[in-house]
Full PDB file with SEQRES, HELIX, SHEET, SSBOND, CRYST1, ORIGX, SCALE, CONECT and MASTER records, all heavy atoms in Angstrom:
SEQRES   1 A   32  LEU ALA ALA ALA ILE LEU THR LEU VAL ILE ASN VAL GLY          
SEQRES   2 A   32  ALA TYR THR GLY GLU ILE VAL ARG ALA GLY MET ASP THR          
SEQRES   3 A   32  ILE PRO HIS GLY GLN ILE                                      
HELIX    1 AA1 ALA A    2  ASP A   25  1                                  24    
CRYST1    1.000    1.000    1.000  90.00  90.00  90.00 P 1           1          
ORIGX1      1.000000  0.000000  0.000000        0.00000                         
ORIGX2      0.000000  1.000000  0.000000        0.00000                         
ORIGX3      0.000000  0.000000  1.000000        0.00000                         
SCALE1      1.000000  0.000000  0.000000        0.00000                         
SCALE2      0.000000  1.000000  0.000000        0.00000                         
SCALE3      0.000000  0.000000  1.000000        0.00000                         
ATOM      1  N   LEU A   1     -25.189  -9.255  24.569  1.00  0.00           N  
ATOM      2  CA  LEU A   1     -24.018  -8.387  24.452  1.00  0.00           C  
ATOM      3  C   LEU A   1     -22.925  -9.056  23.621  1.00  0.00           C  
ATOM      4  O   LEU A   1     -22.256  -8.391  22.818  1.00  0.00           O  
ATOM      5  CB  LEU A   1     -23.486  -8.024  25.833  1.00  0.00           C  
ATOM      6  CG  LEU A   1     -22.466  -6.883  25.892  1.00  0.00           C  
ATOM      7  CD1 LEU A   1     -23.040  -5.609  25.296  1.00  0.00           C  
ATOM      8  CD2 LEU A   1     -22.006  -6.639  27.326  1.00  0.00           C  
ATOM      9  N   ALA A   2     -22.744 -10.361  23.792  1.00  0.00           N  
ATOM     10  CA  ALA A   2     -21.731 -11.073  23.005  1.00  0.00           C  
ATOM     11  C   ALA A   2     -22.081 -11.047  21.527  1.00  0.00           C  
ATOM     12  O   ALA A   2     -21.198 -10.848  20.674  1.00  0.00           O  
ATOM     13  CB  ALA A   2     -21.610 -12.515  23.498  1.00  0.00           C  
ATOM     14  N   ALA A   3     -23.353 -11.243  21.193  1.00  0.00           N  
ATOM     15  CA  ALA A   3     -23.774 -11.200  19.789  1.00  0.00           C  
ATOM     16  C   ALA A   3     -23.581  -9.808  19.205  1.00  0.00           C  
ATOM     17  O   ALA A   3     -23.153  -9.660  18.040  1.00  0.00           O  
ATOM     18  CB  ALA A   3     -25.242 -11.618  19.677  1.00  0.00           C  
ATOM     19  N   ALA A   4     -23.885  -8.778  19.995  1.00  0.00           N  
ATOM     20  CA  ALA A   4     -23.720  -7.402  19.525  1.00  0.00           C  
ATOM     21  C   ALA A   4     -22.253  -7.091  19.239  1.00  0.00           C  
ATOM     22  O   ALA A   4     -21.912  -6.536  18.183  1.00  0.00           O  
ATOM     23  CB  ALA A   4     -24.281  -6.429  20.556  1.00  0.00           C  
ATOM     24  N   ILE A   5     -21.373  -7.457  20.162  1.00  0.00           N  
ATOM     25  CA  ILE A   5     -19.946  -7.179  19.980  1.00  0.00           C  
ATOM     26  C   ILE A   5     -19.380  -7.997  18.831  1.00  0.00           C  
ATOM     27  O   ILE A   5     -18.587  -7.492  18.021  1.00  0.00           O  
ATOM     28  CB  ILE A   5     -19.182  -7.457  21.282  1.00  0.00           C  
ATOM     29  CG1 ILE A   5     -19.592  -6.450  22.362  1.00  0.00           C  
ATOM     30  CG2 ILE A   5     -17.671  -7.389  21.052  1.00  0.00           C  
ATOM     31  CD1 ILE A   5     -18.972  -6.710  23.723  1.00  0.00           C  
ATOM     32  N   LEU A   6     -19.778  -9.271  18.733  1.00  0.00           N  
ATOM     33  CA  LEU A   6     -19.286 -10.118  17.646  1.00  0.00           C  
ATOM     34  C   LEU A   6     -19.663  -9.539  16.286  1.00  0.00           C  
ATOM     35  O   LEU A   6     -18.835  -9.510  15.363  1.00  0.00           O  
ATOM     36  CB  LEU A   6     -19.861 -11.531  17.797  1.00  0.00           C  
ATOM     37  CG  LEU A   6     -19.487 -12.525  16.692  1.00  0.00           C  
ATOM     38  CD1 LEU A   6     -17.984 -12.707  16.611  1.00  0.00           C  
ATOM     39  CD2 LEU A   6     -20.185 -13.861  16.919  1.00  0.00           C  
ATOM     40  N   THR A   7     -20.887  -9.054  16.174  1.00  0.00           N  
ATOM     41  CA  THR A   7     -21.314  -8.466  14.904  1.00  0.00           C  
ATOM     42  C   THR A   7     -20.531  -7.196  14.597  1.00  0.00           C  
ATOM     43  O   THR A   7     -20.131  -6.965  13.449  1.00  0.00           O  
ATOM     44  CB  THR A   7     -22.813  -8.150  14.935  1.00  0.00           C  
ATOM     45  OG1 THR A   7     -23.534  -9.294  15.385  1.00  0.00           O  
ATOM     46  CG2 THR A   7     -23.309  -7.770  13.550  1.00  0.00           C  
ATOM     47  N   LEU A   8     -20.296  -6.370  15.611  1.00  0.00           N  
ATOM     48  CA  LEU A   8     -19.491  -5.173  15.412  1.00  0.00           C  
ATOM     49  C   LEU A   8     -18.084  -5.532  14.948  1.00  0.00           C  
ATOM     50  O   LEU A   8     -17.538  -4.899  14.035  1.00  0.00           O  
ATOM     51  CB  LEU A   8     -19.417  -4.364  16.711  1.00  0.00           C  
ATOM     52  CG  LEU A   8     -20.640  -3.545  17.115  1.00  0.00           C  
ATOM     53  CD1 LEU A   8     -20.441  -2.953  18.505  1.00  0.00           C  
ATOM     54  CD2 LEU A   8     -20.914  -2.437  16.105  1.00  0.00           C  
ATOM     55  N   VAL A   9     -17.486  -6.553  15.563  1.00  0.00           N  
ATOM     56  CA  VAL A   9     -16.129  -6.971  15.205  1.00  0.00           C  
ATOM     57  C   VAL A   9     -16.089  -7.459  13.763  1.00  0.00           C  
ATOM     58  O   VAL A   9     -15.192  -7.075  12.984  1.00  0.00           O  
ATOM     59  CB  VAL A   9     -15.633  -8.064  16.163  1.00  0.00           C  
ATOM     60  CG1 VAL A   9     -14.336  -8.682  15.650  1.00  0.00           C  
ATOM     61  CG2 VAL A   9     -15.425  -7.494  17.557  1.00  0.00           C  
ATOM     62  N   ILE A  10     -17.032  -8.301  13.395  1.00  0.00           N  
ATOM     63  CA  ILE A  10     -17.066  -8.833  12.026  1.00  0.00           C  
ATOM     64  C   ILE A  10     -17.251  -7.706  11.025  1.00  0.00           C  
ATOM     65  O   ILE A  10     -16.601  -7.662   9.979  1.00  0.00           O  
ATOM     66  CB  ILE A  10     -18.191  -9.874  11.899  1.00  0.00           C  
ATOM     67  CG1 ILE A  10     -17.845 -11.123  12.720  1.00  0.00           C  
ATOM     68  CG2 ILE A  10     -18.430 -10.247  10.445  1.00  0.00           C  
ATOM     69  CD1 ILE A  10     -18.964 -12.138  12.781  1.00  0.00           C  
ATOM     70  N   ASN A  11     -18.140  -6.777  11.351  1.00  0.00           N  
ATOM     71  CA  ASN A  11     -18.435  -5.681  10.430  1.00  0.00           C  
ATOM     72  C   ASN A  11     -17.245  -4.741  10.265  1.00  0.00           C  
ATOM     73  O   ASN A  11     -16.801  -4.465   9.145  1.00  0.00           O  
ATOM     74  CB  ASN A  11     -19.655  -4.914  10.924  1.00  0.00           C  
ATOM     75  CG  ASN A  11     -20.099  -3.824   9.959  1.00  0.00           C  
ATOM     76  OD1 ASN A  11     -19.607  -2.711  10.016  1.00  0.00           O  
ATOM     77  ND2 ASN A  11     -21.022  -4.159   9.080  1.00  0.00           N  
ATOM     78  N   VAL A  12     -16.722  -4.251  11.378  1.00  0.00           N  
ATOM     79  CA  VAL A  12     -15.642  -3.269  11.286  1.00  0.00           C  
ATOM     80  C   VAL A  12     -14.349  -3.923  10.793  1.00  0.00           C  
ATOM     81  O   VAL A  12     -13.501  -3.266  10.182  1.00  0.00           O  
ATOM     82  CB  VAL A  12     -15.430  -2.567  12.639  1.00  0.00           C  
ATOM     83  CG1 VAL A  12     -14.646  -3.443  13.611  1.00  0.00           C  
ATOM     84  CG2 VAL A  12     -14.710  -1.237  12.451  1.00  0.00           C  
ATOM     85  N   GLY A  13     -14.186  -5.236  11.035  1.00  0.00           N  
ATOM     86  CA  GLY A  13     -13.001  -5.926  10.546  1.00  0.00           C  
ATOM     87  C   GLY A  13     -12.912  -5.891   9.027  1.00  0.00           C  
ATOM     88  O   GLY A  13     -11.818  -5.728   8.471  1.00  0.00           O  
ATOM     89  N   ALA A  14     -14.046  -6.034   8.356  1.00  0.00           N  
ATOM     90  CA  ALA A  14     -14.050  -6.003   6.896  1.00  0.00           C  
ATOM     91  C   ALA A  14     -13.697  -4.621   6.370  1.00  0.00           C  
ATOM     92  O   ALA A  14     -12.880  -4.480   5.447  1.00  0.00           O  
ATOM     93  CB  ALA A  14     -15.413  -6.442   6.373  1.00  0.00           C  
ATOM     94  N   TYR A  15     -14.297  -3.590   6.943  1.00  0.00           N  
ATOM     95  CA  TYR A  15     -14.008  -2.227   6.488  1.00  0.00           C  
ATOM     96  C   TYR A  15     -12.572  -1.834   6.819  1.00  0.00           C  
ATOM     97  O   TYR A  15     -11.886  -1.191   6.022  1.00  0.00           O  
ATOM     98  CB  TYR A  15     -14.992  -1.251   7.117  1.00  0.00           C  
ATOM     99  CG  TYR A  15     -16.369  -1.304   6.511  1.00  0.00           C  
ATOM    100  CD1 TYR A  15     -17.363  -2.120   7.051  1.00  0.00           C  
ATOM    101  CD2 TYR A  15     -16.683  -0.555   5.386  1.00  0.00           C  
ATOM    102  CE1 TYR A  15     -18.627  -2.186   6.485  1.00  0.00           C  
ATOM    103  CE2 TYR A  15     -17.950  -0.615   4.814  1.00  0.00           C  
ATOM    104  CZ  TYR A  15     -18.911  -1.429   5.373  1.00  0.00           C  
ATOM    105  OH  TYR A  15     -20.162  -1.501   4.801  1.00  0.00           O  
ATOM    106  N   THR A  16     -12.117  -2.229   8.001  1.00  0.00           N  
ATOM    107  CA  THR A  16     -10.745  -1.931   8.393  1.00  0.00           C  
ATOM    108  C   THR A  16      -9.760  -2.631   7.473  1.00  0.00           C  
ATOM    109  O   THR A  16      -8.721  -2.065   7.104  1.00  0.00           O  
ATOM    110  CB  THR A  16     -10.506  -2.374   9.850  1.00  0.00           C  
ATOM    111  OG1 THR A  16     -11.398  -1.661  10.708  1.00  0.00           O  
ATOM    112  CG2 THR A  16      -9.076  -2.084  10.282  1.00  0.00           C  
ATOM    113  N   GLY A  17     -10.083  -3.867   7.094  1.00  0.00           N  
ATOM    114  CA  GLY A  17      -9.198  -4.606   6.199  1.00  0.00           C  
ATOM    115  C   GLY A  17      -8.979  -3.891   4.882  1.00  0.00           C  
ATOM    116  O   GLY A  17      -7.846  -3.833   4.363  1.00  0.00           O  
ATOM    117  N   GLU A  18     -10.026  -3.321   4.320  1.00  0.00           N  
ATOM    118  CA  GLU A  18      -9.883  -2.600   3.058  1.00  0.00           C  
ATOM    119  C   GLU A  18      -9.088  -1.309   3.228  1.00  0.00           C  
ATOM    120  O   GLU A  18      -8.298  -0.928   2.361  1.00  0.00           O  
ATOM    121  CB  GLU A  18     -11.266  -2.289   2.473  1.00  0.00           C  
ATOM    122  CG  GLU A  18     -11.932  -3.477   1.806  1.00  0.00           C  
ATOM    123  CD  GLU A  18     -11.122  -3.985   0.615  1.00  0.00           C  
ATOM    124  OE1 GLU A  18     -11.288  -3.443  -0.481  1.00  0.00           O  
ATOM    125  OE2 GLU A  18     -10.325  -4.926   0.799  1.00  0.00           O  
ATOM    126  N   ILE A  19      -9.300  -0.635   4.363  1.00  0.00           N  
ATOM    127  CA  ILE A  19      -8.549   0.596   4.608  1.00  0.00           C  
ATOM    128  C   ILE A  19      -7.068   0.291   4.768  1.00  0.00           C  
ATOM    129  O   ILE A  19      -6.207   0.970   4.182  1.00  0.00           O  
ATOM    130  CB  ILE A  19      -9.096   1.312   5.859  1.00  0.00           C  
ATOM    131  CG1 ILE A  19     -10.531   1.792   5.617  1.00  0.00           C  
ATOM    132  CG2 ILE A  19      -8.196   2.488   6.247  1.00  0.00           C  
ATOM    133  CD1 ILE A  19     -11.204   2.350   6.857  1.00  0.00           C  
ATOM    134  N   VAL A  20      -6.750  -0.738   5.549  1.00  0.00           N  
ATOM    135  CA  VAL A  20      -5.350  -1.104   5.764  1.00  0.00           C  
ATOM    136  C   VAL A  20      -4.714  -1.584   4.466  1.00  0.00           C  
ATOM    137  O   VAL A  20      -3.566  -1.256   4.157  1.00  0.00           O  
ATOM    138  CB  VAL A  20      -5.240  -2.175   6.865  1.00  0.00           C  
ATOM    139  CG1 VAL A  20      -3.796  -2.673   6.985  1.00  0.00           C  
ATOM    140  CG2 VAL A  20      -5.708  -1.618   8.203  1.00  0.00           C  
ATOM    141  N   ARG A  21      -5.452  -2.366   3.682  1.00  0.00           N  
ATOM    142  CA  ARG A  21      -4.909  -2.849   2.409  1.00  0.00           C  
ATOM    143  C   ARG A  21      -4.598  -1.691   1.473  1.00  0.00           C  
ATOM    144  O   ARG A  21      -3.571  -1.697   0.776  1.00  0.00           O  
ATOM    145  CB  ARG A  21      -5.904  -3.800   1.742  1.00  0.00           C  
ATOM    146  CG  ARG A  21      -5.373  -4.441   0.451  1.00  0.00           C  
ATOM    147  CD  ARG A  21      -6.363  -5.456  -0.082  1.00  0.00           C  
ATOM    148  NE  ARG A  21      -7.550  -4.831  -0.603  1.00  0.00           N  
ATOM    149  CZ  ARG A  21      -7.694  -4.448  -1.872  1.00  0.00           C  
ATOM    150  NH1 ARG A  21      -6.702  -4.590  -2.739  1.00  0.00           N  
ATOM    151  NH2 ARG A  21      -8.822  -3.892  -2.280  1.00  0.00           N  
ATOM    152  N   ALA A  22      -5.456  -0.688   1.461  1.00  0.00           N  
ATOM    153  CA  ALA A  22      -5.192   0.486   0.631  1.00  0.00           C  
ATOM    154  C   ALA A  22      -3.911   1.185   1.076  1.00  0.00           C  
ATOM    155  O   ALA A  22      -3.121   1.649   0.245  1.00  0.00           O  
ATOM    156  CB  ALA A  22      -6.377   1.449   0.691  1.00  0.00           C  
ATOM    157  N   GLY A  23      -3.693   1.257   2.394  1.00  0.00           N  
ATOM    158  CA  GLY A  23      -2.458   1.858   2.886  1.00  0.00           C  
ATOM    159  C   GLY A  23      -1.239   1.036   2.531  1.00  0.00           C  
ATOM    160  O   GLY A  23      -0.193   1.578   2.162  1.00  0.00           O  
ATOM    161  N   MET A  24      -1.356  -0.284   2.611  1.00  0.00           N  
ATOM    162  CA  MET A  24      -0.235  -1.157   2.269  1.00  0.00           C  
ATOM    163  C   MET A  24       0.109  -1.069   0.785  1.00  0.00           C  
ATOM    164  O   MET A  24       1.277  -1.192   0.390  1.00  0.00           O  
ATOM    165  CB  MET A  24      -0.559  -2.595   2.672  1.00  0.00           C  
ATOM    166  CG  MET A  24      -0.706  -2.789   4.176  1.00  0.00           C  
ATOM    167  SD  MET A  24      -1.392  -4.402   4.653  1.00  0.00           S  
ATOM    168  CE  MET A  24       0.001  -5.465   4.294  1.00  0.00           C  
ATOM    169  N   ASP A  25      -0.889  -0.853  -0.046  1.00  0.00           N  
ATOM    170  CA  ASP A  25      -0.652  -0.755  -1.489  1.00  0.00           C  
ATOM    171  C   ASP A  25       0.120   0.508  -1.863  1.00  0.00           C  
ATOM    172  O   ASP A  25       0.648   0.604  -2.975  1.00  0.00           O  
ATOM    173  CB  ASP A  25      -1.980  -0.794  -2.251  1.00  0.00           C  
ATOM    174  CG  ASP A  25      -2.608  -2.186  -2.241  1.00  0.00           C  
ATOM    175  OD1 ASP A  25      -1.873  -3.160  -1.953  1.00  0.00           O  
ATOM    176  OD2 ASP A  25      -3.817  -2.297  -2.515  1.00  0.00           O  
ATOM    177  N   THR A  26       0.153   1.496  -0.949  1.00  0.00           N  
ATOM    178  CA  THR A  26       0.879   2.734  -1.261  1.00  0.00           C  
ATOM    179  C   THR A  26       2.380   2.626  -0.983  1.00  0.00           C  
ATOM    180  O   THR A  26       3.129   3.529  -1.344  1.00  0.00           O  
ATOM    181  CB  THR A  26       0.319   3.909  -0.439  1.00  0.00           C  
ATOM    182  OG1 THR A  26       0.563   3.675   0.960  1.00  0.00           O  
ATOM    183  CG2 THR A  26      -1.168   4.085  -0.671  1.00  0.00           C  
ATOM    184  N   ILE A  27       2.808   1.550  -0.339  1.00  0.00           N  
ATOM    185  CA  ILE A  27       4.227   1.387  -0.039  1.00  0.00           C  
ATOM    186  C   ILE A  27       4.976   1.033  -1.323  1.00  0.00           C  
ATOM    187  O   ILE A  27       4.642   0.034  -1.972  1.00  0.00           O  
ATOM    188  CB  ILE A  27       4.442   0.288   1.017  1.00  0.00           C  
ATOM    189  CG1 ILE A  27       3.619   0.584   2.278  1.00  0.00           C  
ATOM    190  CG2 ILE A  27       5.919   0.157   1.346  1.00  0.00           C  
ATOM    191  CD1 ILE A  27       3.933   1.898   2.930  1.00  0.00           C  
ATOM    192  N   PRO A  28       5.965   1.808  -1.716  1.00  0.00           N  
ATOM    193  CA  PRO A  28       6.708   1.517  -2.959  1.00  0.00           C  
ATOM    194  C   PRO A  28       7.377   0.145  -2.896  1.00  0.00           C  
ATOM    195  O   PRO A  28       7.946  -0.237  -1.866  1.00  0.00           O  
ATOM    196  CB  PRO A  28       7.753   2.636  -3.023  1.00  0.00           C  
ATOM    197  CG  PRO A  28       7.201   3.728  -2.165  1.00  0.00           C  
ATOM    198  CD  PRO A  28       6.437   3.050  -1.077  1.00  0.00           C  
ATOM    199  N   HIS A  29       7.286  -0.585  -3.989  1.00  0.00           N  
ATOM    200  CA  HIS A  29       7.876  -1.925  -4.012  1.00  0.00           C  
ATOM    201  C   HIS A  29       9.396  -1.864  -3.855  1.00  0.00           C  
ATOM    202  O   HIS A  29      10.012  -2.811  -3.358  1.00  0.00           O  
ATOM    203  CB  HIS A  29       7.517  -2.627  -5.320  1.00  0.00           C  
ATOM    204  CG  HIS A  29       7.854  -4.091  -5.321  1.00  0.00           C  
ATOM    205  ND1 HIS A  29       7.202  -5.010  -4.521  1.00  0.00           N  
ATOM    206  CD2 HIS A  29       8.802  -4.791  -6.014  1.00  0.00           C  
ATOM    207  CE1 HIS A  29       7.716  -6.207  -4.717  1.00  0.00           C  
ATOM    208  NE2 HIS A  29       8.685  -6.118  -5.613  1.00  0.00           N  
ATOM    209  N   GLY A  30       9.985  -0.739  -4.253  1.00  0.00           N  
ATOM    210  CA  GLY A  30      11.431  -0.587  -4.122  1.00  0.00           C  
ATOM    211  C   GLY A  30      11.884  -0.650  -2.668  1.00  0.00           C  
ATOM    212  O   GLY A  30      12.978  -1.170  -2.378  1.00  0.00           O  
ATOM    213  N   GLN A  31      11.068  -0.123  -1.767  1.00  0.00           N  
ATOM    214  CA  GLN A  31      11.418  -0.184  -0.349  1.00  0.00           C  
ATOM    215  C   GLN A  31      11.436  -1.625   0.150  1.00  0.00           C  
ATOM    216  O   GLN A  31      12.294  -2.017   0.950  1.00  0.00           O  
ATOM    217  CB  GLN A  31      10.421   0.642   0.470  1.00  0.00           C  
ATOM    218  CG  GLN A  31      10.526   2.142   0.248  1.00  0.00           C  
ATOM    219  CD  GLN A  31       9.626   2.922   1.184  1.00  0.00           C  
ATOM    220  OE1 GLN A  31       9.137   2.395   2.172  1.00  0.00           O  
ATOM    221  NE2 GLN A  31       9.406   4.188   0.868  1.00  0.00           N  
ATOM    222  N   ILE A  32      10.486  -2.418  -0.337  1.00  0.00           N  
ATOM    223  CA  ILE A  32      10.436  -3.824   0.071  1.00  0.00           C  
ATOM    224  C   ILE A  32      11.649  -4.573  -0.478  1.00  0.00           C  
ATOM    225  O   ILE A  32      12.280  -5.376   0.237  1.00  0.00           O  
ATOM    226  CB  ILE A  32       9.129  -4.461  -0.422  1.00  0.00           C  
ATOM    227  CG1 ILE A  32       7.919  -3.706   0.157  1.00  0.00           C  
ATOM    228  CG2 ILE A  32       9.070  -5.937  -0.052  1.00  0.00           C  
ATOM    229  CD1 ILE A  32       6.594  -4.164  -0.391  1.00  0.00           C  
TER     230      ILE A  32                                                      
MASTER        0    0    0    1    0    0    0    6  229    1    0    3          
END                                                                             
């Protein structure tokens, strides 16, 4: 079970990272 969850975390973490990065890139630099 630990190996299964660890693999899920590693896998979804990569996909989530790209989704979040895409959202962060939409923030106008002027606001920052």
